[in-house]
């Protein structure tokens, strides 16, 4: 048996089984990471949905406040006139 053949045999006998033994836990870790990614994506989608709803509500409130501003200004002018008349 030549030196190259002995090196190949040593690799197959000792290193290859160790690599295969490491692959099994790595596969399990990859599955766990994939599962966590899916959960994270689901939560991110939910949060994005909540943020969109809250933004819509906020914009609606701001639009209503914009409609109240002219009324409040007129009311302030009327109150001022009433106070000046008294």
PDB file of N, CA and C in Angstrom:
ATOM      1  N   UNK A   1       0.854  -1.167   0.000  1.00  0.00           N
ATOM      2  CA  UNK A   1       0.000   0.000   0.000  1.00  0.00           C
ATOM      3  C   UNK A   1       0.901   1.232   0.000  1.00  0.00           C
ATOM      4  N   UNK A   2       0.607   2.145  -0.904  1.00  0.00           N
ATOM      5  CA  UNK A   2       1.420   3.344  -0.988  1.00  0.00           C
ATOM      6  C   UNK A   2       1.013   4.370   0.060  1.00  0.00           C
ATOM      7  N   UNK A   3       1.822   5.367   0.174  1.00  0.00           N
ATOM      8  CA  UNK A   3       1.596   6.415   1.173  1.00  0.00           C
ATOM      9  C   UNK A   3       0.274   7.160   0.927  1.00  0.00           C
ATOM     10  N   UNK A   4      -0.034   7.376  -0.333  1.00  0.00           N
ATOM     11  CA  UNK A   4      -1.295   8.059  -0.669  1.00  0.00           C
ATOM     12  C   UNK A   4      -2.482   7.190  -0.280  1.00  0.00           C
ATOM     13  N   UNK A   5      -2.386   5.913  -0.569  1.00  0.00           N
ATOM     14  CA  UNK A   5      -3.461   4.986  -0.207  1.00  0.00           C
ATOM     15  C   UNK A   5      -3.647   4.924   1.303  1.00  0.00           C
ATOM     16  N   UNK A   6      -2.562   4.930   2.042  1.00  0.00           N
ATOM     17  CA  UNK A   6      -2.644   4.914   3.502  1.00  0.00           C
ATOM     18  C   UNK A   6      -3.315   6.194   4.017  1.00  0.00           C
ATOM     19  N   UNK A   7      -2.971   7.311   3.409  1.00  0.00           N
ATOM     20  CA  UNK A   7      -3.596   8.589   3.797  1.00  0.00           C
ATOM     21  C   UNK A   7      -5.088   8.579   3.528  1.00  0.00           C
ATOM     22  N   UNK A   8      -5.454   8.049   2.379  1.00  0.00           N
ATOM     23  CA  UNK A   8      -6.891   7.942   2.048  1.00  0.00           C
ATOM     24  C   UNK A   8      -7.614   7.033   3.037  1.00  0.00           C
ATOM     25  N   UNK A   9      -6.980   5.920   3.347  1.00  0.00           N
ATOM     26  CA  UNK A   9      -7.597   4.967   4.274  1.00  0.00           C
ATOM     27  C   UNK A   9      -7.758   5.580   5.665  1.00  0.00           C
ATOM     28  N   UNK A  10      -6.749   6.279   6.131  1.00  0.00           N
ATOM     29  CA  UNK A  10      -6.845   6.958   7.435  1.00  0.00           C
ATOM     30  C   UNK A  10      -7.967   7.982   7.431  1.00  0.00           C
ATOM     31  N   UNK A  11      -8.058   8.725   6.340  1.00  0.00           N
ATOM     32  CA  UNK A  11      -9.130   9.714   6.233  1.00  0.00           C
ATOM     33  C   UNK A  11     -10.493   9.030   6.297  1.00  0.00           C
ATOM     34  N   UNK A  12     -10.654   7.961   5.528  1.00  0.00           N
ATOM     35  CA  UNK A  12     -11.942   7.260   5.509  1.00  0.00           C
ATOM     36  C   UNK A  12     -12.251   6.603   6.851  1.00  0.00           C
ATOM     37  N   UNK A  13     -11.239   6.131   7.529  1.00  0.00           N
ATOM     38  CA  UNK A  13     -11.454   5.435   8.792  1.00  0.00           C
ATOM     39  C   UNK A  13     -11.712   6.377   9.969  1.00  0.00           C
ATOM     40  N   UNK A  14     -11.069   7.532   9.980  1.00  0.00           N
ATOM     41  CA  UNK A  14     -11.132   8.387  11.166  1.00  0.00           C
ATOM     42  C   UNK A  14     -11.818   9.736  10.930  1.00  0.00           C
ATOM     43  N   UNK A  15     -11.481  10.386   9.853  1.00  0.00           N
ATOM     44  CA  UNK A  15     -12.002  11.741   9.640  1.00  0.00           C
ATOM     45  C   UNK A  15     -13.430  11.717   9.093  1.00  0.00           C
ATOM     46  N   UNK A  16     -13.659  10.882   8.096  1.00  0.00           N
ATOM     47  CA  UNK A  16     -14.985  10.839   7.478  1.00  0.00           C
ATOM     48  C   UNK A  16     -16.095  10.526   8.496  1.00  0.00           C
ATOM     49  N   UNK A  17     -15.933   9.539   9.383  1.00  0.00           N
ATOM     50  CA  UNK A  17     -16.983   9.275  10.371  1.00  0.00           C
ATOM     51  C   UNK A  17     -17.222  10.475  11.300  1.00  0.00           C
ATOM     52  N   UNK A  18     -16.157  11.184  11.647  1.00  0.00           N
ATOM     53  CA  UNK A  18     -16.310  12.363  12.507  1.00  0.00           C
ATOM     54  C   UNK A  18     -17.100  13.447  11.789  1.00  0.00           C
ATOM     55  N   UNK A  19     -16.822  13.618  10.511  1.00  0.00           N
ATOM     56  CA  UNK A  19     -17.562  14.622   9.727  1.00  0.00           C
ATOM     57  C   UNK A  19     -19.038  14.242   9.666  1.00  0.00           C
ATOM     58  N   UNK A  20     -19.317  12.972   9.436  1.00  0.00           N
ATOM     59  CA  UNK A  20     -20.718  12.525   9.403  1.00  0.00           C
ATOM     60  C   UNK A  20     -21.388  12.725  10.762  1.00  0.00           C
ATOM     61  N   UNK A  21     -20.643  12.499  11.828  1.00  0.00           N
ATOM     62  CA  UNK A  21     -21.198  12.689  13.173  1.00  0.00           C
ATOM     63  C   UNK A  21     -21.505  14.158  13.435  1.00  0.00           C
ATOM     64  N   UNK A  22     -20.735  15.041  12.863  1.00  0.00           N
ATOM     65  CA  UNK A  22     -20.977  16.481  13.033  1.00  0.00           C
ATOM     66  C   UNK A  22     -22.152  16.936  12.179  1.00  0.00           C
ATOM     67  N   UNK A  23     -22.342  16.308  11.020  1.00  0.00           N
ATOM     68  CA  UNK A  23     -23.420  16.702  10.121  1.00  0.00           C
ATOM     69  C   UNK A  23     -24.802  16.535  10.750  1.00  0.00           C
ATOM     70  N   UNK A  24     -24.986  15.509  11.554  1.00  0.00           N
ATOM     71  CA  UNK A  24     -26.298  15.258  12.161  1.00  0.00           C
ATOM     72  C   UNK A  24     -26.732  16.407  13.069  1.00  0.00           C
ATOM     73  N   UNK A  25     -25.884  16.855  14.021  1.00  0.00           N
ATOM     74  CA  UNK A  25     -26.298  17.994  14.836  1.00  0.00           C
ATOM     75  C   UNK A  25     -26.447  19.282  14.014  1.00  0.00           C
ATOM     76  N   UNK A  26     -25.632  19.424  12.985  1.00  0.00           N
ATOM     77  CA  UNK A  26     -25.755  20.612  12.136  1.00  0.00           C
ATOM     78  C   UNK A  26     -27.099  20.630  11.413  1.00  0.00           C
ATOM     79  N   UNK A  27     -27.524  19.476  10.939  1.00  0.00           N
ATOM     80  CA  UNK A  27     -28.837  19.393  10.283  1.00  0.00           C
ATOM     81  C   UNK A  27     -29.945  19.778  11.253  1.00  0.00           C
ATOM     82  N   UNK A  28     -29.843  19.296  12.488  1.00  0.00           N
ATOM     83  CA  UNK A  28     -30.852  19.641  13.504  1.00  0.00           C
ATOM     84  C   UNK A  28     -30.843  21.147  13.784  1.00  0.00           C
ATOM     85  N   UNK A  29     -29.653  21.728  13.869  1.00  0.00           N
ATOM     86  CA  UNK A  29     -29.556  23.171  14.096  1.00  0.00           C
ATOM     87  C   UNK A  29     -30.148  23.961  12.934  1.00  0.00           C
ATOM     88  N   UNK A  30     -29.908  23.511  11.719  1.00  0.00           N
ATOM     89  CA  UNK A  30     -30.472  24.181  10.550  1.00  0.00           C
ATOM     90  C   UNK A  30     -32.003  24.153  10.593  1.00  0.00           C
ATOM     91  N   UNK A  31     -32.560  23.032  11.024  1.00  0.00           N
ATOM     92  CA  UNK A  31     -34.019  22.931  11.136  1.00  0.00           C
ATOM     93  C   UNK A  31     -34.544  23.890  12.202  1.00  0.00           C
ATOM     94  N   UNK A  32     -33.837  23.987  13.322  1.00  0.00           N
ATOM     95  CA  UNK A  32     -34.255  24.907  14.383  1.00  0.00           C
ATOM     96  C   UNK A  32     -34.179  26.355  13.912  1.00  0.00           C
ATOM     97  N   UNK A  33     -33.133  26.686  13.195  1.00  0.00           N
ATOM     98  CA  UNK A  33     -32.987  28.049  12.671  1.00  0.00           C
ATOM     99  C   UNK A  33     -34.113  28.352  11.687  1.00  0.00           C
ATOM    100  N   UNK A  34     -34.430  27.411  10.831  1.00  0.00           N
ATOM    101  CA  UNK A  34     -35.522  27.604   9.879  1.00  0.00           C
ATOM    102  C   UNK A  34     -36.841  27.814  10.608  1.00  0.00           C
ATOM    103  N   UNK A  35     -37.061  27.051  11.664  1.00  0.00           N
ATOM    104  CA  UNK A  35     -38.280  27.196  12.458  1.00  0.00           C
ATOM    105  C   UNK A  35     -38.340  28.568  13.124  1.00  0.00           C
ATOM    106  N   UNK A  36     -37.220  28.997  13.689  1.00  0.00           N
ATOM    107  CA  UNK A  36     -37.171  30.319  14.324  1.00  0.00           C
ATOM    108  C   UNK A  36     -37.367  31.426  13.296  1.00  0.00           C
ATOM    109  N   UNK A  37     -36.813  31.253  12.114  1.00  0.00           N
ATOM    110  CA  UNK A  37     -37.018  32.238  11.043  1.00  0.00           C
ATOM    111  C   UNK A  37     -38.495  32.360  10.701  1.00  0.00           C
ATOM    112  N   UNK A  38     -39.168  31.232  10.604  1.00  0.00           N
ATOM    113  CA  UNK A  38     -40.594  31.248  10.273  1.00  0.00           C
ATOM    114  C   UNK A  38     -41.388  31.955  11.368  1.00  0.00           C
ATOM    115  N   UNK A  39     -41.065  31.661  12.629  1.00  0.00           N
ATOM    116  CA  UNK A  39     -41.758  32.316  13.738  1.00  0.00           C
ATOM    117  C   UNK A  39     -41.492  33.818  13.735  1.00  0.00           C
ATOM    118  N   UNK A  40     -40.252  34.193  13.488  1.00  0.00           N
ATOM    119  CA  UNK A  40     -39.889  35.611  13.458  1.00  0.00           C
ATOM    120  C   UNK A  40     -40.625  36.324  12.328  1.00  0.00           C
ATOM    121  N   UNK A  41     -40.684  35.688  11.166  1.00  0.00           N
ATOM    122  CA  UNK A  41     -41.400  36.285  10.041  1.00  0.00           C
ATOM    123  C   UNK A  41     -42.879  36.472  10.360  1.00  0.00           C
ATOM    124  N   UNK A  42     -43.469  35.475  11.015  1.00  0.00           N
ATOM    125  CA  UNK A  42     -44.891  35.553  11.370  1.00  0.00           C
ATOM    126  C   UNK A  42     -45.128  36.707  12.339  1.00  0.00           C
ATOM    127  N   UNK A  43     -44.262  36.831  13.345  1.00  0.00           N
ATOM    128  CA  UNK A  43     -44.406  37.925  14.316  1.00  0.00           C
ATOM    129  C   UNK A  43     -44.180  39.278  13.656  1.00  0.00           C
ATOM    130  N   UNK A  44     -43.216  39.348  12.760  1.00  0.00           N
ATOM    131  CA  UNK A  44     -42.943  40.603  12.057  1.00  0.00           C
ATOM    132  C   UNK A  44     -44.145  41.006  11.207  1.00  0.00           C
ATOM    133  N   UNK A  45     -44.779  40.025  10.563  1.00  0.00           N
ATOM    134  CA  UNK A  45     -45.973  40.327   9.766  1.00  0.00           C
ATOM    135  C   UNK A  45     -47.086  40.867  10.652  1.00  0.00           C
ATOM    136  N   UNK A  46     -47.259  40.247  11.825  1.00  0.00           N
ATOM    137  CA  UNK A  46     -48.300  40.722  12.753  1.00  0.00           C
ATOM    138  C   UNK A  46     -48.008  42.145  13.212  1.00  0.00           C
ATOM    139  N   UNK A  47     -46.740  42.389  13.563  1.00  0.00           N
ATOM    140  CA  UNK A  47     -46.380  43.728  14.019  1.00  0.00           C
ATOM    141  C   UNK A  47     -46.577  44.758  12.912  1.00  0.00           C
ATOM    142  N   UNK A  48     -46.219  44.400  11.715  1.00  0.00           N
ATOM    143  CA  UNK A  48     -46.394  45.309  10.587  1.00  0.00           C
ATOM    144  C   UNK A  48     -47.869  45.630  10.385  1.00  0.00           C
ATOM    145  N   UNK A  49     -48.702  44.634  10.543  1.00  0.00           N
ATOM    146  CA  UNK A  49     -50.139  44.832  10.413  1.00  0.00           C
ATOM    147  C   UNK A  49     -50.653  45.785  11.494  1.00  0.00           C
ATOM    148  N   UNK A  50     -50.194  45.586  12.733  1.00  0.00           N
ATOM    149  CA  UNK A  50     -50.604  46.474  13.830  1.00  0.00           C
ATOM    150  C   UNK A  50     -50.117  47.896  13.590  1.00  0.00           C
ATOM    151  N   UNK A  51     -48.895  48.035  13.122  1.00  0.00           N
ATOM    152  CA  UNK A  51     -48.352  49.368  12.851  1.00  0.00           C
ATOM    153  C   UNK A  51     -49.177  50.055  11.769  1.00  0.00           C
ATOM    154  N   UNK A  52     -49.536  49.324  10.729  1.00  0.00           N
ATOM    155  CA  UNK A  52     -50.355  49.898   9.663  1.00  0.00           C
ATOM    156  C   UNK A  52     -51.707  50.368  10.189  1.00  0.00           C
ATOM    157  N   UNK A  53     -52.334  49.542  11.045  1.00  0.00           N
ATOM    158  CA  UNK A  53     -53.631  49.931  11.624  1.00  0.00           C
ATOM    159  C   UNK A  53     -53.492  51.174  12.488  1.00  0.00           C
ATOM    160  N   UNK A  54     -52.449  51.192  13.324  1.00  0.00           N
ATOM    161  CA  UNK A  54     -52.242  52.348  14.201  1.00  0.00           C
ATOM    162  C   UNK A  54     -51.954  53.607  13.395  1.00  0.00           C
ATOM    163  N   UNK A  55     -51.191  53.476  12.323  1.00  0.00           N
ATOM    164  CA  UNK A  55     -50.899  54.635  11.480  1.00  0.00           C
ATOM    165  C   UNK A  55     -52.177  55.155  10.838  1.00  0.00           C
ATOM    166  N   UNK A  56     -53.024  54.260  10.386  1.00  0.00           N
ATOM    167  CA  UNK A  56     -54.295  54.669   9.787  1.00  0.00           C
ATOM    168  C   UNK A  56     -55.157  55.402  10.808  1.00  0.00           C
ATOM    169  N   UNK A  57     -55.227  54.859  12.025  1.00  0.00           N
ATOM    170  CA  UNK A  57     -56.013  55.513  13.078  1.00  0.00           C
ATOM    171  C   UNK A  57     -55.447  56.886  13.406  1.00  0.00           C
ATOM    172  N   UNK A  58     -54.137  56.981  13.472  1.00  0.00           N
ATOM    173  CA  UNK A  58     -53.495  58.255  13.776  1.00  0.00           C
ATOM    174  C   UNK A  58     -53.774  59.278  12.685  1.00  0.00           C
ATOM    175  N   UNK A  59     -53.660  58.863  11.448  1.00  0.00           N
ATOM    176  CA  UNK A  59     -53.930  59.785  10.341  1.00  0.00           C
ATOM    177  C   UNK A  59     -55.393  60.229  10.343  1.00  0.00           C
ATOM    178  N   UNK A  60     -56.299  59.323  10.636  1.00  0.00           N
ATOM    179  CA  UNK A  60     -57.718  59.692  10.728  1.00  0.00           C
ATOM    180  C   UNK A  60     -57.933  60.724  11.831  1.00  0.00           C
ATOM    181  N   UNK A  61     -57.297  60.519  12.969  1.00  0.00           N
ATOM    182  CA  UNK A  61     -57.414  61.464  14.083  1.00  0.00           C
ATOM    183  C   UNK A  61     -56.849  62.822  13.698  1.00  0.00           C
ATOM    184  N   UNK A  62     -55.709  62.832  13.041  1.00  0.00           N
ATOM    185  CA  UNK A  62     -55.123  64.104  12.610  1.00  0.00           C
ATOM    186  C   UNK A  62     -56.019  64.839  11.618  1.00  0.00           C
ATOM    187  N   UNK A  63     -56.633  64.106  10.718  1.00  0.00           N
ATOM    188  CA  UNK A  63     -57.553  64.740   9.759  1.00  0.00           C
ATOM    189  C   UNK A  63     -58.766  65.337  10.471  1.00  0.00           C
ATOM    190  N   UNK A  64     -59.269  64.617  11.468  1.00  0.00           N
ATOM    191  CA  UNK A  64     -60.406  65.168  12.229  1.00  0.00           C
ATOM    192  C   UNK A  64     -59.979  66.429  12.967  1.00  0.00           C
ATOM    193  N   UNK A  65     -58.767  66.412  13.535  1.00  0.00           N
ATOM    194  CA  UNK A  65     -58.281  67.595  14.249  1.00  0.00           C
ATOM    195  C   UNK A  65     -58.117  68.773  13.296  1.00  0.00           C
ATOM    196  N   UNK A  66     -57.679  68.505  12.079  1.00  0.00           N
ATOM    197  CA  UNK A  66     -57.561  69.573  11.082  1.00  0.00           C
ATOM    198  C   UNK A  66     -58.926  70.190  10.802  1.00  0.00           C
ATOM    199  N   UNK A  67     -59.956  69.387  10.824  1.00  0.00           N
ATOM    200  CA  UNK A  67     -61.315  69.904  10.591  1.00  0.00           C
ATOM    201  C   UNK A  67     -61.798  70.731  11.781  1.00  0.00           C
ATOM    202  N   UNK A  68     -61.343  70.407  12.986  1.00  0.00           N
ATOM    203  CA  UNK A  68     -61.747  71.147  14.174  1.00  0.00           C
ATOM    204  C   UNK A  68     -61.032  72.485  14.310  1.00  0.00           C
ATOM    205  N   UNK A  69     -59.856  72.617  13.733  1.00  0.00           N
ATOM    206  CA  UNK A  69     -59.055  73.823  13.910  1.00  0.00           C
ATOM    207  C   UNK A  69     -59.804  75.090  13.489  1.00  0.00           C
ATOM    208  N   UNK A  70     -60.419  75.145  12.315  1.00  0.00           N
ATOM    209  CA  UNK A  70     -61.156  76.369  11.949  1.00  0.00           C
ATOM    210  C   UNK A  70     -62.309  76.661  12.917  1.00  0.00           C
ATOM    211  N   UNK A  71     -62.961  75.617  13.383  1.00  0.00           N
ATOM    212  CA  UNK A  71     -64.075  75.808  14.319  1.00  0.00           C
ATOM    213  C   UNK A  71     -63.541  76.379  15.633  1.00  0.00           C
ATOM    214  N   UNK A  72     -62.431  75.837  16.131  1.00  0.00           N
ATOM    215  CA  UNK A  72     -61.850  76.340  17.375  1.00  0.00           C
ATOM    216  C   UNK A  72     -61.384  77.788  17.223  1.00  0.00           C
ATOM    217  N   UNK A  73     -60.845  78.122  16.058  1.00  0.00           N
ATOM    218  CA  UNK A  73     -60.414  79.505  15.826  1.00  0.00           C
ATOM    219  C   UNK A  73     -61.615  80.447  15.838  1.00  0.00           C
ATOM    220  N   UNK A  74     -62.687  80.057  15.193  1.00  0.00           N
ATOM    221  CA  UNK A  74     -63.914  80.896  15.188  1.00  0.00           C
ATOM    222  C   UNK A  74     -64.471  81.042  16.594  1.00  0.00           C
ATOM    223  N   UNK A  75     -64.441  79.935  17.358  1.00  0.00           N
ATOM    224  CA  UNK A  75     -64.934  79.979  18.727  1.00  0.00           C
ATOM    225  C   UNK A  75     -64.088  80.928  19.574  1.00  0.00           C
ATOM    226  N   UNK A  76     -62.787  80.898  19.402  1.00  0.00           N
ATOM    227  CA  UNK A  76     -61.898  81.793  20.147  1.00  0.00           C
ATOM    228  C   UNK A  76     -62.195  83.246  19.788  1.00  0.00           C
ATOM    229  N   UNK A  77     -62.427  83.545  18.519  1.00  0.00           N
ATOM    230  CA  UNK A  77     -62.759  84.926  18.104  1.00  0.00           C
ATOM    231  C   UNK A  77     -64.084  85.376  18.719  1.00  0.00           C
ATOM    232  N   UNK A  78     -65.050  84.468  18.721  1.00  0.00           N
ATOM    233  CA  UNK A  78     -66.347  84.819  19.312  1.00  0.00           C
ATOM    234  C   UNK A  78     -66.222  85.058  20.812  1.00  0.00           C
ATOM    235  N   UNK A  79     -65.462  84.210  21.501  1.00  0.00           N
ATOM    236  CA  UNK A  79     -65.257  84.399  22.940  1.00  0.00           C
ATOM    237  C   UNK A  79     -64.575  85.744  23.207  1.00  0.00           C
ATOM    238  N   UNK A  80     -63.634  86.090  22.353  1.00  0.00           N
ATOM    239  CA  UNK A  80     -62.931  87.369  22.518  1.00  0.00           C
ATOM    240  C   UNK A  80     -63.893  88.534  22.331  1.00  0.00           C
ATOM    241  N   UNK A  81     -64.761  88.430  21.335  1.00  0.00           N
ATOM    242  CA  UNK A  81     -65.736  89.482  21.096  1.00  0.00           C
ATOM    243  C   UNK A  81     -66.709  89.620  22.275  1.00  0.00           C
ATOM    244  N   UNK A  82     -67.142  88.467  22.833  1.00  0.00           N
ATOM    245  CA  UNK A  82     -68.060  88.480  23.960  1.00  0.00           C
ATOM    246  C   UNK A  82     -67.380  89.143  25.171  1.00  0.00           C
ATOM    247  N   UNK A  83     -66.132  88.801  25.419  1.00  0.00           N
ATOM    248  CA  UNK A  83     -65.402  89.397  26.544  1.00  0.00           C
ATOM    249  C   UNK A  83     -65.195  90.887  26.347  1.00  0.00           C
ATOM    250  N   UNK A  84     -64.920  91.306  25.136  1.00  0.00           N
ATOM    251  CA  UNK A  84     -64.732  92.736  24.848  1.00  0.00           C
ATOM    252  C   UNK A  84     -66.054  93.498  24.961  1.00  0.00           C
ATOM    253  N   UNK A  85     -67.153  92.849  24.651  1.00  0.00           N
ATOM    254  CA  UNK A  85     -68.446  93.510  24.710  1.00  0.00           C
ATOM    255  C   UNK A  85     -68.930  93.653  26.150  1.00  0.00           C
ATOM    256  N   UNK A  86     -68.482  92.800  27.018  1.00  0.00           N
ATOM    257  CA  UNK A  86     -68.965  92.821  28.402  1.00  0.00           C
ATOM    258  C   UNK A  86     -68.324  93.859  29.233  1.00  0.00           C
TER     259      UNK A  86
END
